[in-house]
Amino acid sequence: MEEEDTFDNLKFLKLSGVTFAKWEVGEESFPILEKLHLWVCHKLEEIPPSFGDIGSLKFINIWQRPQLEDSSLEIKQYAEDMRGGDEL
């Protein structure tokens, strides 16, 4: 994906078995995303921090990828701080 790529109507994104290690997205790539599911993404090292800026994001689900937990918790904390305590 290029930073200028956007998915204006995407509310649910599931990545399963992706083979890339680094994922870069622009801040506006997923403006109304609500749910992010990452399943068996063995090479993926972190969730892009820009997901913390998505005000509509409500849920991140990680399966069989414990190293993504740190970045998901950082995104969760950042999003909750920006929302004034609303939980992600």
PDB file of N, CA and C in Angstrom:
ATOM      1  N   MET A   1       0.830  -1.185   0.000  1.00  0.00           N
ATOM      2  CA  MET A   1       0.000   0.000   0.000  1.00  0.00           C
ATOM      3  C   MET A   1       0.868   1.240   0.000  1.00  0.00           C
ATOM      4  N   GLU A   2       0.434   2.206  -0.709  1.00  0.00           N
ATOM      5  CA  GLU A   2       1.093   3.503  -0.681  1.00  0.00           C
ATOM      6  C   GLU A   2       0.407   4.359   0.378  1.00  0.00           C
ATOM      7  N   GLU A   3       1.099   5.359   0.900  1.00  0.00           N
ATOM      8  CA  GLU A   3       0.518   6.202   1.945  1.00  0.00           C
ATOM      9  C   GLU A   3      -0.717   6.958   1.474  1.00  0.00           C
ATOM     10  N   GLU A   4      -0.817   7.234   0.171  1.00  0.00           N
ATOM     11  CA  GLU A   4      -1.969   7.978  -0.324  1.00  0.00           C
ATOM     12  C   GLU A   4      -3.179   7.084  -0.612  1.00  0.00           C
ATOM     13  N   ASP A   5      -3.028   5.768  -0.508  1.00  0.00           N
ATOM     14  CA  ASP A   5      -4.152   4.856  -0.717  1.00  0.00           C
ATOM     15  C   ASP A   5      -5.142   4.985   0.433  1.00  0.00           C
ATOM     16  N   THR A   6      -6.432   5.087   0.102  1.00  0.00           N
ATOM     17  CA  THR A   6      -7.456   5.171   1.139  1.00  0.00           C
ATOM     18  C   THR A   6      -8.587   4.205   0.841  1.00  0.00           C
ATOM     19  N   PHE A   7      -9.204   3.746   1.898  1.00  0.00           N
ATOM     20  CA  PHE A   7     -10.350   2.853   1.821  1.00  0.00           C
ATOM     21  C   PHE A   7     -11.463   3.539   2.604  1.00  0.00           C
ATOM     22  N   ASP A   8     -12.134   4.465   1.930  1.00  0.00           N
ATOM     23  CA  ASP A   8     -13.084   5.370   2.572  1.00  0.00           C
ATOM     24  C   ASP A   8     -14.280   4.683   3.211  1.00  0.00           C
ATOM     25  N   ASN A   9     -14.691   3.519   2.726  1.00  0.00           N
ATOM     26  CA  ASN A   9     -15.900   2.865   3.229  1.00  0.00           C
ATOM     27  C   ASN A   9     -15.614   1.590   4.018  1.00  0.00           C
ATOM     28  N   LEU A  10     -14.361   1.284   4.252  1.00  0.00           N
ATOM     29  CA  LEU A  10     -13.992   0.039   4.907  1.00  0.00           C
ATOM     30  C   LEU A  10     -14.180   0.136   6.420  1.00  0.00           C
ATOM     31  N   LYS A  11     -15.021  -0.750   6.970  1.00  0.00           N
ATOM     32  CA  LYS A  11     -15.264  -0.770   8.415  1.00  0.00           C
ATOM     33  C   LYS A  11     -14.628  -1.988   9.089  1.00  0.00           C
ATOM     34  N   PHE A  12     -14.352  -3.028   8.310  1.00  0.00           N
ATOM     35  CA  PHE A  12     -13.821  -4.280   8.847  1.00  0.00           C
ATOM     36  C   PHE A  12     -12.647  -4.725   7.983  1.00  0.00           C
ATOM     37  N   LEU A  13     -11.501  -4.979   8.609  1.00  0.00           N
ATOM     38  CA  LEU A  13     -10.327  -5.447   7.880  1.00  0.00           C
ATOM     39  C   LEU A  13      -9.786  -6.682   8.582  1.00  0.00           C
ATOM     40  N   LYS A  14      -9.668  -7.761   7.821  1.00  0.00           N
ATOM     41  CA  LYS A  14      -9.089  -8.997   8.343  1.00  0.00           C
ATOM     42  C   LYS A  14      -7.907  -9.372   7.467  1.00  0.00           C
ATOM     43  N   LEU A  15      -6.753  -9.512   8.102  1.00  0.00           N
ATOM     44  CA  LEU A  15      -5.561  -9.996   7.422  1.00  0.00           C
ATOM     45  C   LEU A  15      -5.253 -11.369   7.999  1.00  0.00           C
ATOM     46  N   SER A  16      -5.075 -12.334   7.118  1.00  0.00           N
ATOM     47  CA  SER A  16      -4.831 -13.700   7.558  1.00  0.00           C
ATOM     48  C   SER A  16      -3.665 -14.283   6.769  1.00  0.00           C
ATOM     49  N   GLY A  17      -2.655 -14.711   7.487  1.00  0.00           N
ATOM     50  CA  GLY A  17      -1.521 -15.364   6.858  1.00  0.00           C
ATOM     51  C   GLY A  17      -0.692 -14.474   5.950  1.00  0.00           C
ATOM     52  N   VAL A  18      -0.657 -13.180   6.227  1.00  0.00           N
ATOM     53  CA  VAL A  18       0.149 -12.284   5.392  1.00  0.00           C
ATOM     54  C   VAL A  18       1.628 -12.609   5.565  1.00  0.00           C
ATOM     55  N   THR A  19       2.413 -12.340   4.539  1.00  0.00           N
ATOM     56  CA  THR A  19       3.822 -12.713   4.569  1.00  0.00           C
ATOM     57  C   THR A  19       4.762 -11.519   4.648  1.00  0.00           C
ATOM     58  N   PHE A  20       4.237 -10.334   4.911  1.00  0.00           N
ATOM     59  CA  PHE A  20       5.119  -9.183   5.056  1.00  0.00           C
ATOM     60  C   PHE A  20       5.414  -8.935   6.526  1.00  0.00           C
ATOM     61  N   ALA A  21       6.599  -8.344   6.785  1.00  0.00           N
ATOM     62  CA  ALA A  21       7.023  -8.086   8.154  1.00  0.00           C
ATOM     63  C   ALA A  21       6.694  -6.671   8.602  1.00  0.00           C
ATOM     64  N   LYS A  22       6.729  -5.742   7.670  1.00  0.00           N
ATOM     65  CA  LYS A  22       6.487  -4.347   8.011  1.00  0.00           C
ATOM     66  C   LYS A  22       5.273  -3.848   7.234  1.00  0.00           C
ATOM     67  N   TRP A  23       4.417  -3.106   7.924  1.00  0.00           N
ATOM     68  CA  TRP A  23       3.183  -2.602   7.327  1.00  0.00           C
ATOM     69  C   TRP A  23       3.130  -1.110   7.577  1.00  0.00           C
ATOM     70  N   GLU A  24       3.116  -0.352   6.505  1.00  0.00           N
ATOM     71  CA  GLU A  24       3.047   1.098   6.622  1.00  0.00           C
ATOM     72  C   GLU A  24       1.771   1.587   5.962  1.00  0.00           C
ATOM     73  N   VAL A  25       1.034   2.404   6.687  1.00  0.00           N
ATOM     74  CA  VAL A  25      -0.193   3.001   6.153  1.00  0.00           C
ATOM     75  C   VAL A  25      -0.221   4.473   6.544  1.00  0.00           C
ATOM     76  N   GLY A  26      -0.882   5.269   5.718  1.00  0.00           N
ATOM     77  CA  GLY A  26      -1.038   6.683   6.035  1.00  0.00           C
ATOM     78  C   GLY A  26      -2.104   6.877   7.098  1.00  0.00           C
ATOM     79  N   GLU A  27      -2.105   8.042   7.704  1.00  0.00           N
ATOM     80  CA  GLU A  27      -3.060   8.334   8.775  1.00  0.00           C
ATOM     81  C   GLU A  27      -4.500   8.305   8.295  1.00  0.00           C
ATOM     82  N   GLU A  28      -4.730   8.570   7.032  1.00  0.00           N
ATOM     83  CA  GLU A  28      -6.087   8.628   6.495  1.00  0.00           C
ATOM     84  C   GLU A  28      -6.464   7.400   5.667  1.00  0.00           C
ATOM     85  N   SER A  29      -5.684   6.331   5.737  1.00  0.00           N
ATOM     86  CA  SER A  29      -5.935   5.161   4.902  1.00  0.00           C
ATOM     87  C   SER A  29      -7.249   4.457   5.220  1.00  0.00           C
ATOM     88  N   PHE A  30      -7.616   4.432   6.489  1.00  0.00           N
ATOM     89  CA  PHE A  30      -8.833   3.736   6.921  1.00  0.00           C
ATOM     90  C   PHE A  30      -9.674   4.671   7.797  1.00  0.00           C
ATOM     91  N   PRO A  31     -10.299   5.687   7.225  1.00  0.00           N
ATOM     92  CA  PRO A  31     -10.943   6.726   8.034  1.00  0.00           C
ATOM     93  C   PRO A  31     -12.128   6.274   8.882  1.00  0.00           C
ATOM     94  N   ILE A  32     -12.829   5.191   8.506  1.00  0.00           N
ATOM     95  CA  ILE A  32     -13.986   4.763   9.302  1.00  0.00           C
ATOM     96  C   ILE A  32     -13.861   3.314   9.779  1.00  0.00           C
ATOM     97  N   LEU A  33     -12.637   2.786   9.777  1.00  0.00           N
ATOM     98  CA  LEU A  33     -12.423   1.402  10.201  1.00  0.00           C
ATOM     99  C   LEU A  33     -12.888   1.218  11.644  1.00  0.00           C
ATOM    100  N   GLU A  34     -13.650   0.148  11.880  1.00  0.00           N
ATOM    101  CA  GLU A  34     -14.134  -0.154  13.229  1.00  0.00           C
ATOM    102  C   GLU A  34     -13.468  -1.389  13.822  1.00  0.00           C
ATOM    103  N   LYS A  35     -13.164  -2.379  12.981  1.00  0.00           N
ATOM    104  CA  LYS A  35     -12.610  -3.638  13.486  1.00  0.00           C
ATOM    105  C   LYS A  35     -11.404  -4.064  12.657  1.00  0.00           C
ATOM    106  N   LEU A  36     -10.346  -4.439  13.353  1.00  0.00           N
ATOM    107  CA  LEU A  36      -9.131  -4.946  12.731  1.00  0.00           C
ATOM    108  C   LEU A  36      -8.852  -6.330  13.292  1.00  0.00           C
ATOM    109  N   HIS A  37      -8.789  -7.321  12.412  1.00  0.00           N
ATOM    110  CA  HIS A  37      -8.487  -8.697  12.807  1.00  0.00           C
ATOM    111  C   HIS A  37      -7.185  -9.120  12.140  1.00  0.00           C
ATOM    112  N   LEU A  38      -6.237  -9.591  12.917  1.00  0.00           N
ATOM    113  CA  LEU A  38      -4.960 -10.077  12.410  1.00  0.00           C
ATOM    114  C   LEU A  38      -4.813 -11.532  12.828  1.00  0.00           C
ATOM    115  N   TRP A  39      -4.873 -12.437  11.868  1.00  0.00           N
ATOM    116  CA  TRP A  39      -4.863 -13.870  12.140  1.00  0.00           C
ATOM    117  C   TRP A  39      -3.633 -14.508  11.502  1.00  0.00           C
ATOM    118  N   VAL A  40      -2.846 -15.175  12.307  1.00  0.00           N
ATOM    119  CA  VAL A  40      -1.708 -15.973  11.856  1.00  0.00           C
ATOM    120  C   VAL A  40      -0.789 -15.159  10.931  1.00  0.00           C
ATOM    121  N   CYS A  41      -0.495 -13.950  11.322  1.00  0.00           N
ATOM    122  CA  CYS A  41       0.412 -13.076  10.565  1.00  0.00           C
ATOM    123  C   CYS A  41       1.806 -13.225  11.172  1.00  0.00           C
ATOM    124  N   HIS A  42       2.440 -14.359  10.907  1.00  0.00           N
ATOM    125  CA  HIS A  42       3.671 -14.735  11.598  1.00  0.00           C
ATOM    126  C   HIS A  42       4.843 -13.781  11.397  1.00  0.00           C
ATOM    127  N   LYS A  43       4.936 -13.134  10.265  1.00  0.00           N
ATOM    128  CA  LYS A  43       6.077 -12.265  10.010  1.00  0.00           C
ATOM    129  C   LYS A  43       5.835 -10.810  10.405  1.00  0.00           C
ATOM    130  N   LEU A  44       4.591 -10.433  10.579  1.00  0.00           N
ATOM    131  CA  LEU A  44       4.266  -9.049  10.904  1.00  0.00           C
ATOM    132  C   LEU A  44       4.825  -8.686  12.277  1.00  0.00           C
ATOM    133  N   GLU A  45       5.621  -7.615  12.326  1.00  0.00           N
ATOM    134  CA  GLU A  45       6.310  -7.233  13.555  1.00  0.00           C
ATOM    135  C   GLU A  45       5.516  -6.298  14.448  1.00  0.00           C
ATOM    136  N   GLU A  46       4.705  -5.404  13.846  1.00  0.00           N
ATOM    137  CA  GLU A  46       3.909  -4.487  14.652  1.00  0.00           C
ATOM    138  C   GLU A  46       2.729  -3.962  13.844  1.00  0.00           C
ATOM    139  N   ILE A  47       1.744  -3.484  14.572  1.00  0.00           N
ATOM    140  CA  ILE A  47       0.604  -2.815  13.963  1.00  0.00           C
ATOM    141  C   ILE A  47       1.013  -1.356  13.797  1.00  0.00           C
ATOM    142  N   PRO A  48       0.801  -0.759  12.643  1.00  0.00           N
ATOM    143  CA  PRO A  48       1.205   0.632  12.454  1.00  0.00           C
ATOM    144  C   PRO A  48       0.592   1.554  13.512  1.00  0.00           C
ATOM    145  N   PRO A  49       1.399   2.421  14.119  1.00  0.00           N
ATOM    146  CA  PRO A  49       0.898   3.326  15.152  1.00  0.00           C
ATOM    147  C   PRO A  49      -0.229   4.237  14.671  1.00  0.00           C
ATOM    148  N   SER A  50      -0.309   4.482  13.376  1.00  0.00           N
ATOM    149  CA  SER A  50      -1.355   5.371  12.841  1.00  0.00           C
ATOM    150  C   SER A  50      -2.756   4.832  13.099  1.00  0.00           C
ATOM    151  N   PHE A  51      -2.895   3.550  13.438  1.00  0.00           N
ATOM    152  CA  PHE A  51      -4.214   3.018  13.774  1.00  0.00           C
ATOM    153  C   PHE A  51      -4.770   3.670  15.036  1.00  0.00           C
ATOM    154  N   GLY A  52      -3.910   4.210  15.881  1.00  0.00           N
ATOM    155  CA  GLY A  52      -4.364   4.919  17.072  1.00  0.00           C
ATOM    156  C   GLY A  52      -5.098   6.207  16.747  1.00  0.00           C
ATOM    157  N   ASP A  53      -4.893   6.735  15.549  1.00  0.00           N
ATOM    158  CA  ASP A  53      -5.545   7.976  15.122  1.00  0.00           C
ATOM    159  C   ASP A  53      -6.908   7.746  14.481  1.00  0.00           C
ATOM    160  N   ILE A  54      -7.319   6.502  14.338  1.00  0.00           N
ATOM    161  CA  ILE A  54      -8.607   6.204  13.723  1.00  0.00           C
ATOM    162  C   ILE A  54      -9.671   6.276  14.820  1.00  0.00           C
ATOM    163  N   GLY A  55     -10.426   7.355  14.826  1.00  0.00           N
ATOM    164  CA  GLY A  55     -11.414   7.594  15.877  1.00  0.00           C
ATOM    165  C   GLY A  55     -12.535   6.576  15.916  1.00  0.00           C
ATOM    166  N   SER A  56     -12.817   5.925  14.791  1.00  0.00           N
ATOM    167  CA  SER A  56     -13.908   4.958  14.723  1.00  0.00           C
ATOM    168  C   SER A  56     -13.482   3.548  15.142  1.00  0.00           C
ATOM    169  N   LEU A  57     -12.172   3.307  15.315  1.00  0.00           N
ATOM    170  CA  LEU A  57     -11.679   1.968  15.652  1.00  0.00           C
ATOM    171  C   LEU A  57     -12.164   1.551  17.034  1.00  0.00           C
ATOM    172  N   LYS A  58     -12.820   0.397  17.084  1.00  0.00           N
ATOM    173  CA  LYS A  58     -13.403  -0.100  18.334  1.00  0.00           C
ATOM    174  C   LYS A  58     -12.770  -1.405  18.806  1.00  0.00           C
ATOM    175  N   PHE A  59     -12.134  -2.129  17.886  1.00  0.00           N
ATOM    176  CA  PHE A  59     -11.754  -3.497  18.210  1.00  0.00           C
ATOM    177  C   PHE A  59     -10.523  -3.918  17.418  1.00  0.00           C
ATOM    178  N   ILE A  60      -9.540  -4.483  18.099  1.00  0.00           N
ATOM    179  CA  ILE A  60      -8.389  -5.116  17.455  1.00  0.00           C
ATOM    180  C   ILE A  60      -8.325  -6.540  17.984  1.00  0.00           C
ATOM    181  N   ASN A  61      -8.313  -7.500  17.083  1.00  0.00           N
ATOM    182  CA  ASN A  61      -8.248  -8.904  17.458  1.00  0.00           C
ATOM    183  C   ASN A  61      -6.972  -9.503  16.864  1.00  0.00           C
ATOM    184  N   ILE A  62      -6.156 -10.106  17.718  1.00  0.00           N
ATOM    185  CA  ILE A  62      -4.901 -10.722  17.289  1.00  0.00           C
ATOM    186  C   ILE A  62      -4.969 -12.191  17.644  1.00  0.00           C
ATOM    187  N   TRP A  63      -4.623 -13.040  16.682  1.00  0.00           N
ATOM    188  CA  TRP A  63      -4.661 -14.473  16.925  1.00  0.00           C
ATOM    189  C   TRP A  63      -3.336 -15.093  16.504  1.00  0.00           C
ATOM    190  N   GLN A  64      -2.733 -15.821  17.390  1.00  0.00           N
ATOM    191  CA  GLN A  64      -1.464 -16.511  17.173  1.00  0.00           C
ATOM    192  C   GLN A  64      -0.345 -15.579  16.740  1.00  0.00           C
ATOM    193  N   ARG A  65      -0.234 -14.474  17.391  1.00  0.00           N
ATOM    194  CA  ARG A  65       0.846 -13.532  17.099  1.00  0.00           C
ATOM    195  C   ARG A  65       1.141 -12.688  18.331  1.00  0.00           C
ATOM    196  N   PRO A  66       1.741 -13.274  19.364  1.00  0.00           N
ATOM    197  CA  PRO A  66       1.946 -12.554  20.623  1.00  0.00           C
ATOM    198  C   PRO A  66       2.822 -11.308  20.506  1.00  0.00           C
ATOM    199  N   GLN A  67       3.734 -11.226  19.535  1.00  0.00           N
ATOM    200  CA  GLN A  67       4.583 -10.042  19.438  1.00  0.00           C
ATOM    201  C   GLN A  67       3.809  -8.809  19.001  1.00  0.00           C
ATOM    202  N   LEU A  68       2.591  -8.969  18.501  1.00  0.00           N
ATOM    203  CA  LEU A  68       1.762  -7.818  18.127  1.00  0.00           C
ATOM    204  C   LEU A  68       1.031  -7.227  19.328  1.00  0.00           C
ATOM    205  N   GLU A  69       1.059  -7.925  20.453  1.00  0.00           N
ATOM    206  CA  GLU A  69       0.346  -7.447  21.634  1.00  0.00           C
ATOM    207  C   GLU A  69       0.876  -6.104  22.123  1.00  0.00           C
ATOM    208  N   ASP A  70       2.188  -5.911  22.098  1.00  0.00           N
ATOM    209  CA  ASP A  70       2.766  -4.649  22.571  1.00  0.00           C
ATOM    210  C   ASP A  70       2.261  -3.470  21.746  1.00  0.00           C
ATOM    211  N   SER A  71       2.306  -3.595  20.416  1.00  0.00           N
ATOM    212  CA  SER A  71       1.857  -2.474  19.589  1.00  0.00           C
ATOM    213  C   SER A  71       0.349  -2.278  19.713  1.00  0.00           C
ATOM    214  N   SER A  72      -0.414  -3.359  19.897  1.00  0.00           N
ATOM    215  CA  SER A  72      -1.865  -3.193  20.057  1.00  0.00           C
ATOM    216  C   SER A  72      -2.186  -2.494  21.377  1.00  0.00           C
ATOM    217  N   LEU A  73      -1.432  -2.791  22.435  1.00  0.00           N
ATOM    218  CA  LEU A  73      -1.653  -2.126  23.717  1.00  0.00           C
ATOM    219  C   LEU A  73      -1.256  -0.652  23.659  1.00  0.00           C
ATOM    220  N   GLU A  74      -0.192  -0.343  22.913  1.00  0.00           N
ATOM    221  CA  GLU A  74       0.196   1.057  22.737  1.00  0.00           C
ATOM    222  C   GLU A  74      -0.884   1.823  21.977  1.00  0.00           C
ATOM    223  N   ILE A  75      -1.431   1.219  20.932  1.00  0.00           N
ATOM    224  CA  ILE A  75      -2.513   1.843  20.163  1.00  0.00           C
ATOM    225  C   ILE A  75      -3.734   2.033  21.052  1.00  0.00           C
ATOM    226  N   LYS A  76      -4.056   1.012  21.845  1.00  0.00           N
ATOM    227  CA  LYS A  76      -5.203   1.082  22.752  1.00  0.00           C
ATOM    228  C   LYS A  76      -5.047   2.249  23.724  1.00  0.00           C
ATOM    229  N   GLN A  77      -3.889   2.351  24.343  1.00  0.00           N
ATOM    230  CA  GLN A  77      -3.662   3.424  25.313  1.00  0.00           C
ATOM    231  C   GLN A  77      -3.731   4.799  24.646  1.00  0.00           C
ATOM    232  N   TYR A  78      -3.100   4.939  23.498  1.00  0.00           N
ATOM    233  CA  TYR A  78      -3.115   6.210  22.774  1.00  0.00           C
ATOM    234  C   TYR A  78      -4.543   6.596  22.395  1.00  0.00           C
ATOM    235  N   ALA A  79      -5.303   5.636  21.851  1.00  0.00           N
ATOM    236  CA  ALA A  79      -6.678   5.913  21.421  1.00  0.00           C
ATOM    237  C   ALA A  79      -7.550   6.309  22.607  1.00  0.00           C
ATOM    238  N   GLU A  80      -7.411   5.615  23.727  1.00  0.00           N
ATOM    239  CA  GLU A  80      -8.215   5.933  24.900  1.00  0.00           C
ATOM    240  C   GLU A  80      -7.850   7.300  25.464  1.00  0.00           C
ATOM    241  N   ASP A  81      -6.562   7.655  25.431  1.00  0.00           N
ATOM    242  CA  ASP A  81      -6.145   8.986  25.873  1.00  0.00           C
ATOM    243  C   ASP A  81      -6.746  10.066  24.985  1.00  0.00           C
ATOM    244  N   MET A  82      -6.747   9.827  23.679  1.00  0.00           N
ATOM    245  CA  MET A  82      -7.281  10.810  22.725  1.00  0.00           C
ATOM    246  C   MET A  82      -8.804  10.930  22.837  1.00  0.00           C
ATOM    247  N   ARG A  83      -9.464   9.846  23.224  1.00  0.00           N
ATOM    248  CA  ARG A  83     -10.935   9.834  23.308  1.00  0.00           C
ATOM    249  C   ARG A  83     -11.429  10.222  24.695  1.00  0.00           C
ATOM    250  N   GLY A  84     -10.556  10.522  25.577  1.00  0.00           N
ATOM    251  CA  GLY A  84     -10.980  10.913  26.924  1.00  0.00           C
ATOM    252  C   GLY A  84     -11.452   9.743  27.754  1.00  0.00           C
ATOM    253  N   GLY A  85     -10.879   8.566  27.545  1.00  0.00           N
ATOM    254  CA  GLY A  85     -11.216   7.415  28.376  1.00  0.00           C
ATOM    255  C   GLY A  85     -12.127   6.398  27.724  1.00  0.00           C
ATOM    256  N   ASP A  86     -12.721   6.701  26.556  1.00  0.00           N
ATOM    257  CA  ASP A  86     -13.531   5.686  25.869  1.00  0.00           C
ATOM    258  C   ASP A  86     -12.651   4.506  25.509  1.00  0.00           C
ATOM    259  N   GLU A  87     -13.069   3.313  25.874  1.00  0.00           N
ATOM    260  CA  GLU A  87     -12.259   2.131  25.663  1.00  0.00           C
ATOM    261  C   GLU A  87     -12.252   1.653  24.231  1.00  0.00           C
ATOM    262  N   LEU A  88     -11.072   1.164  23.824  1.00  0.00           N
ATOM    263  CA  LEU A  88     -10.915   0.494  22.543  1.00  0.00           C
ATOM    264  C   LEU A  88     -10.911  -0.987  22.826  1.00  0.00           C
TER     265      LEU A  88
END
